[in-house]
Amino acid sequence: MGCSFKEAEIIGSDLRGAVFDDCTFAADIKSTKMSSVDLRGSDLSGLSGLAPLHGTQVTELQLRQLSEVMIRDLDLTITELPL
């Protein structure tokens, strides 16, 4: 059983070098220092804000979750190119 950061605000914290194993993140991580954090094995789909993740360790599978966070946070519209 992992940890859960659902509906949490982690603002202005220093988590550098921390390891989060099997955690669920649905948190706002504004102004949080997270370089060298190991997030492998955690669910990142509920994160808000990606800038603090600079330098963290993630898996290839987590990249899909992070792309969904980016699309949501930046309010991007994905469209097809005309043929």
PDB file of N, CA and C in Angstrom:
ATOM      1  N   MET A   1       0.849  -1.176   0.000  1.00  0.00           N
ATOM      2  CA  MET A   1       0.000   0.000   0.000  1.00  0.00           C
ATOM      3  C   MET A   1       0.892   1.236   0.000  1.00  0.00           C
ATOM      4  N   GLY A   2       0.657   2.156  -0.897  1.00  0.00           N
ATOM      5  CA  GLY A   2       1.471   3.342  -1.012  1.00  0.00           C
ATOM      6  C   GLY A   2       0.913   4.497  -0.221  1.00  0.00           C
ATOM      7  N   CYS A   3       1.291   5.675  -0.653  1.00  0.00           N
ATOM      8  CA  CYS A   3       0.805   6.883   0.007  1.00  0.00           C
ATOM      9  C   CYS A   3      -0.129   7.631  -0.944  1.00  0.00           C
ATOM     10  N   SER A   4      -0.892   8.538  -0.397  1.00  0.00           N
ATOM     11  CA  SER A   4      -1.851   9.281  -1.199  1.00  0.00           C
ATOM     12  C   SER A   4      -1.730  10.765  -0.910  1.00  0.00           C
ATOM     13  N   PHE A   5      -1.597  11.540  -1.984  1.00  0.00           N
ATOM     14  CA  PHE A   5      -1.596  12.995  -1.897  1.00  0.00           C
ATOM     15  C   PHE A   5      -2.765  13.513  -2.725  1.00  0.00           C
ATOM     16  N   LYS A   6      -3.963  13.076  -2.378  1.00  0.00           N
ATOM     17  CA  LYS A   6      -5.162  13.506  -3.087  1.00  0.00           C
ATOM     18  C   LYS A   6      -5.697  14.759  -2.433  1.00  0.00           C
ATOM     19  N   GLU A   7      -6.091  15.713  -3.278  1.00  0.00           N
ATOM     20  CA  GLU A   7      -6.634  16.992  -2.816  1.00  0.00           C
ATOM     21  C   GLU A   7      -5.674  17.691  -1.858  1.00  0.00           C
ATOM     22  N   ALA A   8      -4.388  17.534  -2.104  1.00  0.00           N
ATOM     23  CA  ALA A   8      -3.371  18.144  -1.253  1.00  0.00           C
ATOM     24  C   ALA A   8      -2.745  19.343  -1.952  1.00  0.00           C
ATOM     25  N   GLU A   9      -2.177  20.221  -1.167  1.00  0.00           N
ATOM     26  CA  GLU A   9      -1.373  21.328  -1.682  1.00  0.00           C
ATOM     27  C   GLU A   9       0.001  21.210  -1.057  1.00  0.00           C
ATOM     28  N   ILE A  10       0.991  20.986  -1.904  1.00  0.00           N
ATOM     29  CA  ILE A  10       2.377  20.906  -1.447  1.00  0.00           C
ATOM     30  C   ILE A  10       3.049  22.150  -2.005  1.00  0.00           C
ATOM     31  N   ILE A  11       2.981  23.238  -1.279  1.00  0.00           N
ATOM     32  CA  ILE A  11       3.409  24.533  -1.787  1.00  0.00           C
ATOM     33  C   ILE A  11       4.609  25.040  -0.983  1.00  0.00           C
ATOM     34  N   GLY A  12       5.680  25.387  -1.703  1.00  0.00           N
ATOM     35  CA  GLY A  12       6.858  25.956  -1.069  1.00  0.00           C
ATOM     36  C   GLY A  12       7.637  24.960  -0.230  1.00  0.00           C
ATOM     37  N   SER A  13       7.509  23.668  -0.543  1.00  0.00           N
ATOM     38  CA  SER A  13       8.205  22.631   0.225  1.00  0.00           C
ATOM     39  C   SER A  13       9.522  22.265  -0.439  1.00  0.00           C
ATOM     40  N   ASP A  14      10.387  21.613   0.306  1.00  0.00           N
ATOM     41  CA  ASP A  14      11.657  21.120  -0.220  1.00  0.00           C
ATOM     42  C   ASP A  14      11.652  19.605  -0.123  1.00  0.00           C
ATOM     43  N   LEU A  15      11.404  18.936  -1.253  1.00  0.00           N
ATOM     44  CA  LEU A  15      11.328  17.477  -1.297  1.00  0.00           C
ATOM     45  C   LEU A  15      12.510  16.882  -2.055  1.00  0.00           C
ATOM     46  N   ARG A  16      13.551  17.672  -2.288  1.00  0.00           N
ATOM     47  CA  ARG A  16      14.695  17.215  -3.081  1.00  0.00           C
ATOM     48  C   ARG A  16      15.266  15.915  -2.519  1.00  0.00           C
ATOM     49  N   GLY A  17      15.458  14.941  -3.431  1.00  0.00           N
ATOM     50  CA  GLY A  17      16.044  13.665  -3.072  1.00  0.00           C
ATOM     51  C   GLY A  17      15.074  12.667  -2.464  1.00  0.00           C
ATOM     52  N   ALA A  18      13.812  13.017  -2.303  1.00  0.00           N
ATOM     53  CA  ALA A  18      12.832  12.104  -1.701  1.00  0.00           C
ATOM     54  C   ALA A  18      12.470  10.993  -2.680  1.00  0.00           C
ATOM     55  N   VAL A  19      12.045   9.870  -2.145  1.00  0.00           N
ATOM     56  CA  VAL A  19      11.571   8.741  -2.946  1.00  0.00           C
ATOM     57  C   VAL A  19      10.112   8.493  -2.573  1.00  0.00           C
ATOM     58  N   PHE A  20       9.244   8.518  -3.581  1.00  0.00           N
ATOM     59  CA  PHE A  20       7.823   8.240  -3.385  1.00  0.00           C
ATOM     60  C   PHE A  20       7.515   6.953  -4.137  1.00  0.00           C
ATOM     61  N   ASP A  21       7.285   5.874  -3.414  1.00  0.00           N
ATOM     62  CA  ASP A  21       7.049   4.578  -4.024  1.00  0.00           C
ATOM     63  C   ASP A  21       5.569   4.226  -3.926  1.00  0.00           C
ATOM     64  N   ASP A  22       4.939   4.008  -5.068  1.00  0.00           N
ATOM     65  CA  ASP A  22       3.538   3.606  -5.134  1.00  0.00           C
ATOM     66  C   ASP A  22       2.608   4.639  -4.496  1.00  0.00           C
ATOM     67  N   CYS A  23       2.836   5.906  -4.813  1.00  0.00           N
ATOM     68  CA  CYS A  23       2.002   6.990  -4.288  1.00  0.00           C
ATOM     69  C   CYS A  23       1.039   7.472  -5.364  1.00  0.00           C
ATOM     70  N   THR A  24      -0.067   8.042  -4.943  1.00  0.00           N
ATOM     71  CA  THR A  24      -1.013   8.663  -5.849  1.00  0.00           C
ATOM     72  C   THR A  24      -0.943  10.164  -5.624  1.00  0.00           C
ATOM     73  N   PHE A  25      -0.649  10.895  -6.697  1.00  0.00           N
ATOM     74  CA  PHE A  25      -0.553  12.343  -6.613  1.00  0.00           C
ATOM     75  C   PHE A  25      -1.744  12.992  -7.300  1.00  0.00           C
ATOM     76  N   ALA A  26      -2.526  13.714  -6.564  1.00  0.00           N
ATOM     77  CA  ALA A  26      -3.583  14.576  -7.092  1.00  0.00           C
ATOM     78  C   ALA A  26      -3.411  15.870  -6.312  1.00  0.00           C
ATOM     79  N   ALA A  27      -2.260  16.484  -6.498  1.00  0.00           N
ATOM     80  CA  ALA A  27      -1.855  17.602  -5.647  1.00  0.00           C
ATOM     81  C   ALA A  27      -1.375  18.777  -6.482  1.00  0.00           C
ATOM     82  N   ASP A  28      -1.452  19.941  -5.888  1.00  0.00           N
ATOM     83  CA  ASP A  28      -0.881  21.154  -6.438  1.00  0.00           C
ATOM     84  C   ASP A  28       0.527  21.265  -5.849  1.00  0.00           C
ATOM     85  N   ILE A  29       1.558  21.315  -6.693  1.00  0.00           N
ATOM     86  CA  ILE A  29       2.936  21.316  -6.208  1.00  0.00           C
ATOM     87  C   ILE A  29       3.670  22.617  -6.532  1.00  0.00           C
ATOM     88  N   LYS A  30       2.974  23.732  -6.449  1.00  0.00           N
ATOM     89  CA  LYS A  30       3.563  25.033  -6.773  1.00  0.00           C
ATOM     90  C   LYS A  30       4.761  25.349  -5.892  1.00  0.00           C
ATOM     91  N   SER A  31       5.790  25.908  -6.507  1.00  0.00           N
ATOM     92  CA  SER A  31       6.982  26.395  -5.805  1.00  0.00           C
ATOM     93  C   SER A  31       7.625  25.344  -4.911  1.00  0.00           C
ATOM     94  N   THR A  32       7.468  24.078  -5.242  1.00  0.00           N
ATOM     95  CA  THR A  32       8.063  23.001  -4.461  1.00  0.00           C
ATOM     96  C   THR A  32       9.341  22.539  -5.144  1.00  0.00           C
ATOM     97  N   LYS A  33      10.401  22.392  -4.383  1.00  0.00           N
ATOM     98  CA  LYS A  33      11.687  21.928  -4.915  1.00  0.00           C
ATOM     99  C   LYS A  33      11.660  20.406  -4.946  1.00  0.00           C
ATOM    100  N   MET A  34      11.759  19.850  -6.171  1.00  0.00           N
ATOM    101  CA  MET A  34      11.633  18.405  -6.322  1.00  0.00           C
ATOM    102  C   MET A  34      12.749  17.806  -7.163  1.00  0.00           C
ATOM    103  N   SER A  35      13.879  18.501  -7.328  1.00  0.00           N
ATOM    104  CA  SER A  35      14.948  17.931  -8.133  1.00  0.00           C
ATOM    105  C   SER A  35      15.470  16.660  -7.461  1.00  0.00           C
ATOM    106  N   SER A  36      15.816  15.701  -8.276  1.00  0.00           N
ATOM    107  CA  SER A  36      16.317  14.392  -7.838  1.00  0.00           C
ATOM    108  C   SER A  36      15.288  13.574  -7.060  1.00  0.00           C
ATOM    109  N   VAL A  37      14.005  13.920  -7.168  1.00  0.00           N
ATOM    110  CA  VAL A  37      12.955  13.125  -6.543  1.00  0.00           C
ATOM    111  C   VAL A  37      12.702  11.900  -7.416  1.00  0.00           C
ATOM    112  N   ASP A  38      12.480  10.760  -6.794  1.00  0.00           N
ATOM    113  CA  ASP A  38      12.184   9.523  -7.512  1.00  0.00           C
ATOM    114  C   ASP A  38      10.689   9.259  -7.400  1.00  0.00           C
ATOM    115  N   LEU A  39       9.981   9.415  -8.521  1.00  0.00           N
ATOM    116  CA  LEU A  39       8.530   9.218  -8.556  1.00  0.00           C
ATOM    117  C   LEU A  39       8.134   7.922  -9.246  1.00  0.00           C
ATOM    118  N   ARG A  40       9.126   7.112  -9.620  1.00  0.00           N
ATOM    119  CA  ARG A  40       8.836   5.873 -10.341  1.00  0.00           C
ATOM    120  C   ARG A  40       7.907   5.002  -9.513  1.00  0.00           C
ATOM    121  N   GLY A  41       6.874   4.465 -10.178  1.00  0.00           N
ATOM    122  CA  GLY A  41       5.906   3.611  -9.508  1.00  0.00           C
ATOM    123  C   GLY A  41       4.720   4.363  -8.939  1.00  0.00           C
ATOM    124  N   SER A  42       4.716   5.670  -9.080  1.00  0.00           N
ATOM    125  CA  SER A  42       3.617   6.482  -8.545  1.00  0.00           C
ATOM    126  C   SER A  42       2.679   6.916  -9.659  1.00  0.00           C
ATOM    127  N   ASP A  43       1.425   7.181  -9.310  1.00  0.00           N
ATOM    128  CA  ASP A  43       0.417   7.673 -10.245  1.00  0.00           C
ATOM    129  C   ASP A  43       0.496   9.196 -10.258  1.00  0.00           C
ATOM    130  N   LEU A  44       0.891   9.761 -11.393  1.00  0.00           N
ATOM    131  CA  LEU A  44       1.083  11.204 -11.511  1.00  0.00           C
ATOM    132  C   LEU A  44      -0.058  11.896 -12.233  1.00  0.00           C
ATOM    133  N   SER A  45      -1.096  11.161 -12.582  1.00  0.00           N
ATOM    134  CA  SER A  45      -2.151  11.702 -13.429  1.00  0.00           C
ATOM    135  C   SER A  45      -2.944  12.832 -12.793  1.00  0.00           C
ATOM    136  N   GLY A  46      -2.932  12.964 -11.496  1.00  0.00           N
ATOM    137  CA  GLY A  46      -3.708  14.009 -10.842  1.00  0.00           C
ATOM    138  C   GLY A  46      -2.901  15.220 -10.427  1.00  0.00           C
ATOM    139  N   LEU A  47      -1.643  15.300 -10.836  1.00  0.00           N
ATOM    140  CA  LEU A  47      -0.811  16.445 -10.468  1.00  0.00           C
ATOM    141  C   LEU A  47      -1.323  17.735 -11.083  1.00  0.00           C
ATOM    142  N   SER A  48      -0.978  18.826 -10.472  1.00  0.00           N
ATOM    143  CA  SER A  48      -1.262  20.145 -11.029  1.00  0.00           C
ATOM    144  C   SER A  48       0.030  20.929 -11.012  1.00  0.00           C
ATOM    145  N   GLY A  49       0.485  21.313 -12.189  1.00  0.00           N
ATOM    146  CA  GLY A  49       1.737  22.057 -12.308  1.00  0.00           C
ATOM    147  C   GLY A  49       2.901  21.119 -12.525  1.00  0.00           C
ATOM    148  N   LEU A  50       3.651  21.328 -13.594  1.00  0.00           N
ATOM    149  CA  LEU A  50       4.756  20.431 -13.920  1.00  0.00           C
ATOM    150  C   LEU A  50       6.135  21.021 -13.680  1.00  0.00           C
ATOM    151  N   ALA A  51       6.263  22.327 -13.612  1.00  0.00           N
ATOM    152  CA  ALA A  51       7.576  22.967 -13.491  1.00  0.00           C
ATOM    153  C   ALA A  51       8.395  22.426 -12.317  1.00  0.00           C
ATOM    154  N   PRO A  52       7.803  22.178 -11.148  1.00  0.00           N
ATOM    155  CA  PRO A  52       8.603  21.660 -10.043  1.00  0.00           C
ATOM    156  C   PRO A  52       9.178  20.263 -10.272  1.00  0.00           C
ATOM    157  N   LEU A  53       8.716  19.548 -11.297  1.00  0.00           N
ATOM    158  CA  LEU A  53       9.209  18.202 -11.559  1.00  0.00           C
ATOM    159  C   LEU A  53      10.551  18.188 -12.279  1.00  0.00           C
ATOM    160  N   HIS A  54      11.102  19.344 -12.577  1.00  0.00           N
ATOM    161  CA  HIS A  54      12.393  19.430 -13.267  1.00  0.00           C
ATOM    162  C   HIS A  54      13.429  18.573 -12.537  1.00  0.00           C
ATOM    163  N   GLY A  55      14.014  17.614 -13.229  1.00  0.00           N
ATOM    164  CA  GLY A  55      15.063  16.782 -12.660  1.00  0.00           C
ATOM    165  C   GLY A  55      14.581  15.562 -11.892  1.00  0.00           C
ATOM    166  N   THR A  56      13.285  15.265 -11.920  1.00  0.00           N
ATOM    167  CA  THR A  56      12.785  14.086 -11.207  1.00  0.00           C
ATOM    168  C   THR A  56      12.955  12.840 -12.068  1.00  0.00           C
ATOM    169  N   GLN A  57      12.846  11.678 -11.449  1.00  0.00           N
ATOM    170  CA  GLN A  57      12.935  10.410 -12.161  1.00  0.00           C
ATOM    171  C   GLN A  57      11.537   9.846 -12.367  1.00  0.00           C
ATOM    172  N   VAL A  58      11.210   9.548 -13.615  1.00  0.00           N
ATOM    173  CA  VAL A  58       9.921   8.951 -13.946  1.00  0.00           C
ATOM    174  C   VAL A  58      10.153   7.816 -14.932  1.00  0.00           C
ATOM    175  N   THR A  59       9.144   6.984 -15.105  1.00  0.00           N
ATOM    176  CA  THR A  59       9.227   5.883 -16.069  1.00  0.00           C
ATOM    177  C   THR A  59       8.581   6.307 -17.382  1.00  0.00           C
ATOM    178  N   GLU A  60       8.781   5.484 -18.415  1.00  0.00           N
ATOM    179  CA  GLU A  60       8.157   5.766 -19.710  1.00  0.00           C
ATOM    180  C   GLU A  60       6.642   5.764 -19.594  1.00  0.00           C
ATOM    181  N   LEU A  61       6.091   4.864 -18.791  1.00  0.00           N
ATOM    182  CA  LEU A  61       4.640   4.810 -18.620  1.00  0.00           C
ATOM    183  C   LEU A  61       4.102   6.084 -17.973  1.00  0.00           C
ATOM    184  N   GLN A  62       4.879   6.706 -17.104  1.00  0.00           N
ATOM    185  CA  GLN A  62       4.437   7.922 -16.447  1.00  0.00           C
ATOM    186  C   GLN A  62       4.428   9.114 -17.404  1.00  0.00           C
ATOM    187  N   LEU A  63       5.157   9.024 -18.499  1.00  0.00           N
ATOM    188  CA  LEU A  63       5.159  10.120 -19.474  1.00  0.00           C
ATOM    189  C   LEU A  63       3.761  10.354 -20.035  1.00  0.00           C
ATOM    190  N   ARG A  64       2.990   9.289 -20.224  1.00  0.00           N
ATOM    191  CA  ARG A  64       1.608   9.431 -20.702  1.00  0.00           C
ATOM    192  C   ARG A  64       0.790  10.218 -19.686  1.00  0.00           C
ATOM    193  N   GLN A  65       0.936   9.896 -18.410  1.00  0.00           N
ATOM    194  CA  GLN A  65       0.220  10.627 -17.360  1.00  0.00           C
ATOM    195  C   GLN A  65       0.627  12.097 -17.369  1.00  0.00           C
ATOM    196  N   LEU A  66       1.918  12.347 -17.501  1.00  0.00           N
ATOM    197  CA  LEU A  66       2.395  13.732 -17.485  1.00  0.00           C
ATOM    198  C   LEU A  66       1.926  14.508 -18.701  1.00  0.00           C
ATOM    199  N   SER A  67       1.797  13.825 -19.851  1.00  0.00           N
ATOM    200  CA  SER A  67       1.278  14.527 -21.029  1.00  0.00           C
ATOM    201  C   SER A  67      -0.179  14.920 -20.812  1.00  0.00           C
ATOM    202  N   GLU A  68      -0.941  14.071 -20.129  1.00  0.00           N
ATOM    203  CA  GLU A  68      -2.337  14.415 -19.814  1.00  0.00           C
ATOM    204  C   GLU A  68      -2.405  15.599 -18.854  1.00  0.00           C
ATOM    205  N   VAL A  69      -1.487  15.642 -17.889  1.00  0.00           N
ATOM    206  CA  VAL A  69      -1.423  16.774 -16.962  1.00  0.00           C
ATOM    207  C   VAL A  69      -1.092  18.053 -17.729  1.00  0.00           C
ATOM    208  N   MET A  70      -0.124  17.962 -18.655  1.00  0.00           N
ATOM    209  CA  MET A  70       0.270  19.126 -19.444  1.00  0.00           C
ATOM    210  C   MET A  70      -0.901  19.645 -20.272  1.00  0.00           C
ATOM    211  N   ILE A  71      -1.609  18.748 -20.926  1.00  0.00           N
ATOM    212  CA  ILE A  71      -2.755  19.139 -21.751  1.00  0.00           C
ATOM    213  C   ILE A  71      -3.800  19.841 -20.893  1.00  0.00           C
ATOM    214  N   ARG A  72      -4.075  19.290 -19.722  1.00  0.00           N
ATOM    215  CA  ARG A  72      -5.065  19.881 -18.815  1.00  0.00           C
ATOM    216  C   ARG A  72      -4.581  21.228 -18.260  1.00  0.00           C
ATOM    217  N   ASP A  73      -3.343  21.275 -17.755  1.00  0.00           N
ATOM    218  CA  ASP A  73      -2.830  22.494 -17.132  1.00  0.00           C
ATOM    219  C   ASP A  73      -2.687  23.657 -18.119  1.00  0.00           C
ATOM    220  N   LEU A  74      -2.314  23.326 -19.350  1.00  0.00           N
ATOM    221  CA  LEU A  74      -2.122  24.363 -20.362  1.00  0.00           C
ATOM    222  C   LEU A  74      -3.385  24.618 -21.183  1.00  0.00           C
ATOM    223  N   ASP A  75      -4.448  23.888 -20.892  1.00  0.00           N
ATOM    224  CA  ASP A  75      -5.708  23.998 -21.608  1.00  0.00           C
ATOM    225  C   ASP A  75      -5.499  23.896 -23.113  1.00  0.00           C
ATOM    226  N   LEU A  76      -4.721  22.883 -23.512  1.00  0.00           N
ATOM    227  CA  LEU A  76      -4.421  22.676 -24.922  1.00  0.00           C
ATOM    228  C   LEU A  76      -5.600  22.019 -25.622  1.00  0.00           C
ATOM    229  N   THR A  77      -5.772  22.341 -26.891  1.00  0.00           N
ATOM    230  CA  THR A  77      -6.769  21.688 -27.735  1.00  0.00           C
ATOM    231  C   THR A  77      -5.999  20.884 -28.777  1.00  0.00           C
ATOM    232  N   ILE A  78      -6.240  19.600 -28.812  1.00  0.00           N
ATOM    233  CA  ILE A  78      -5.554  18.720 -29.761  1.00  0.00           C
ATOM    234  C   ILE A  78      -6.434  18.588 -30.991  1.00  0.00           C
ATOM    235  N   THR A  79      -5.879  18.944 -32.152  1.00  0.00           N
ATOM    236  CA  THR A  79      -6.619  18.869 -33.402  1.00  0.00           C
ATOM    237  C   THR A  79      -5.819  18.065 -34.430  1.00  0.00           C
ATOM    238  N   GLU A  80      -6.513  17.538 -35.382  1.00  0.00           N
ATOM    239  CA  GLU A  80      -5.881  16.813 -36.478  1.00  0.00           C
ATOM    240  C   GLU A  80      -5.479  17.803 -37.555  1.00  0.00           C
ATOM    241  N   LEU A  81      -4.381  17.514 -38.236  1.00  0.00           N
ATOM    242  CA  LEU A  81      -3.979  18.337 -39.380  1.00  0.00           C
ATOM    243  C   LEU A  81      -4.883  18.016 -40.559  1.00  0.00           C
ATOM    244  N   PRO A  82      -5.263  19.052 -41.313  1.00  0.00           N
ATOM    245  CA  PRO A  82      -6.094  18.773 -42.506  1.00  0.00           C
ATOM    246  C   PRO A  82      -5.267  17.995 -43.531  1.00  0.00           C
ATOM    247  N   LEU A  83      -5.946  17.116 -44.254  1.00  0.00           N
ATOM    248  CA  LEU A  83      -5.270  16.320 -45.297  1.00  0.00           C
ATOM    249  C   LEU A  83      -5.100  17.083 -46.553  1.00  0.00           C
TER     250      LEU A  83
END
